[in-house]
């Protein structure tokens, strides 16, 4: 069995709702079927990935805010290497 991370972005009464969940399933398709059945709303988009140490769980929130034009400016990019500040 593998742990999968599901990230939902959905319509929550005219605002953006975001939910992250974990699914334990033997394969992608089984995890996907469970995630579809557990969706928080009728209209949503989701991503489904195997759990890993490399995940940045704030990304769905950042993406949702960008999609709705509510992105705060000057946020640090989580992919930038902090140790490069010496240059």
Protein backbone atom coordinates (compact mmCIF):
# COMPACT_ATOMS: atom_id res chain seq x y z
CA UNK A 1 0.00 0.00 0.00
CA UNK A 2 1.13 3.51 -0.76
CA UNK A 3 0.14 6.89 0.67
CA UNK A 4 -1.13 9.41 -1.88
CA UNK A 5 -1.60 13.17 -1.37
CA UNK A 6 -4.78 14.68 -2.82
CA UNK A 7 -5.02 18.44 -3.24
CA UNK A 8 -8.47 19.82 -4.03
CA UNK A 9 -9.25 23.35 -5.19
CA UNK A 10 -12.98 23.93 -5.29
CA UNK A 11 -15.81 26.48 -5.29
CA UNK A 12 -16.83 27.22 -1.71
CA UNK A 13 -19.85 29.55 -1.93
CA UNK A 14 -18.24 31.97 -4.40
CA UNK A 15 -14.79 31.76 -2.81
CA UNK A 16 -11.89 29.39 -3.32
CA UNK A 17 -11.75 26.37 -1.05
CA UNK A 18 -8.59 24.32 -0.64
CA UNK A 19 -8.30 20.92 0.97
CA UNK A 20 -5.43 18.47 1.25
CA UNK A 21 -6.04 14.83 2.14
CA UNK A 22 -4.14 11.56 2.32
CA UNK A 23 -5.33 8.36 0.68
CA UNK A 24 -3.86 4.91 1.24
CA UNK A 25 -4.23 2.71 -1.82
CA UNK A 26 -2.25 0.10 -3.76
CA UNK A 27 -2.15 2.07 -7.02
CA UNK A 28 -2.93 5.39 -8.71
CA UNK A 29 -6.31 4.39 -10.15
CA UNK A 30 -7.63 3.09 -6.83
CA UNK A 31 -6.44 6.24 -5.07
CA UNK A 32 -8.02 8.38 -7.79
CA UNK A 33 -11.40 6.66 -7.46
CA UNK A 34 -11.40 7.16 -3.70
CA UNK A 35 -10.34 10.81 -4.07
CA UNK A 36 -13.13 11.47 -6.58
CA UNK A 37 -15.67 9.99 -4.20
CA UNK A 38 -14.37 12.12 -1.31
CA UNK A 39 -14.41 15.44 -3.21
CA UNK A 40 -15.49 18.42 -1.08
CA UNK A 41 -17.75 19.95 -3.76
CA UNK A 42 -19.41 19.22 -7.08
CA UNK A 43 -17.05 21.55 -8.98
CA UNK A 44 -13.37 21.02 -8.24
CA UNK A 45 -9.93 20.32 -9.63
CA UNK A 46 -7.53 18.00 -7.92
CA UNK A 47 -4.01 16.71 -8.10
CA UNK A 48 -2.98 13.27 -6.90
CA UNK A 49 0.64 12.35 -6.21
CA UNK A 50 2.51 9.74 -4.21
CA UNK A 51 3.64 11.12 -0.87
CA UNK A 52 7.29 12.17 -0.87
CA UNK A 53 9.78 14.15 1.16
CA UNK A 54 10.06 16.71 -1.68
CA UNK A 55 6.51 18.03 -1.47
CA UNK A 56 5.68 21.60 -0.62
CA UNK A 57 2.11 21.52 0.70
CA UNK A 58 1.64 25.28 0.42
CA UNK A 59 1.67 25.11 -3.38
CA UNK A 60 -2.11 24.49 -3.75
CA UNK A 61 -2.84 27.63 -1.74
CA UNK A 62 -0.40 29.68 -3.80
CA UNK A 63 -1.82 28.30 -7.07
CA UNK A 64 -5.41 28.96 -5.98
CA UNK A 65 -4.61 32.55 -5.06
CA UNK A 66 -2.85 33.08 -8.40
CA UNK A 67 -5.87 31.66 -10.24
CA UNK A 68 -8.24 34.06 -8.49
CA UNK A 69 -5.99 37.13 -8.73
CA UNK A 70 -5.44 37.25 -4.96
CA UNK A 71 -1.74 36.38 -5.02
CA UNK A 72 0.31 38.34 -2.53
CA UNK A 73 3.36 39.92 -4.13
CA UNK A 74 6.98 39.33 -3.17
CA UNK A 75 6.51 35.90 -1.63
CA UNK A 76 9.69 33.81 -1.56
CA UNK A 77 9.83 31.08 -4.18
CA UNK A 78 10.00 27.74 -2.34
CA UNK A 79 12.20 26.35 -5.13
CA UNK A 80 14.90 28.99 -4.63
CA UNK A 81 17.92 27.69 -2.80
CA UNK A 82 18.31 29.71 0.40
CA UNK A 83 22.05 28.98 0.55
CA UNK A 84 22.65 31.03 -2.63
CA UNK A 85 22.35 34.28 -0.62
CA UNK A 86 26.16 34.50 -0.33
CA UNK A 87 26.62 35.61 -3.96
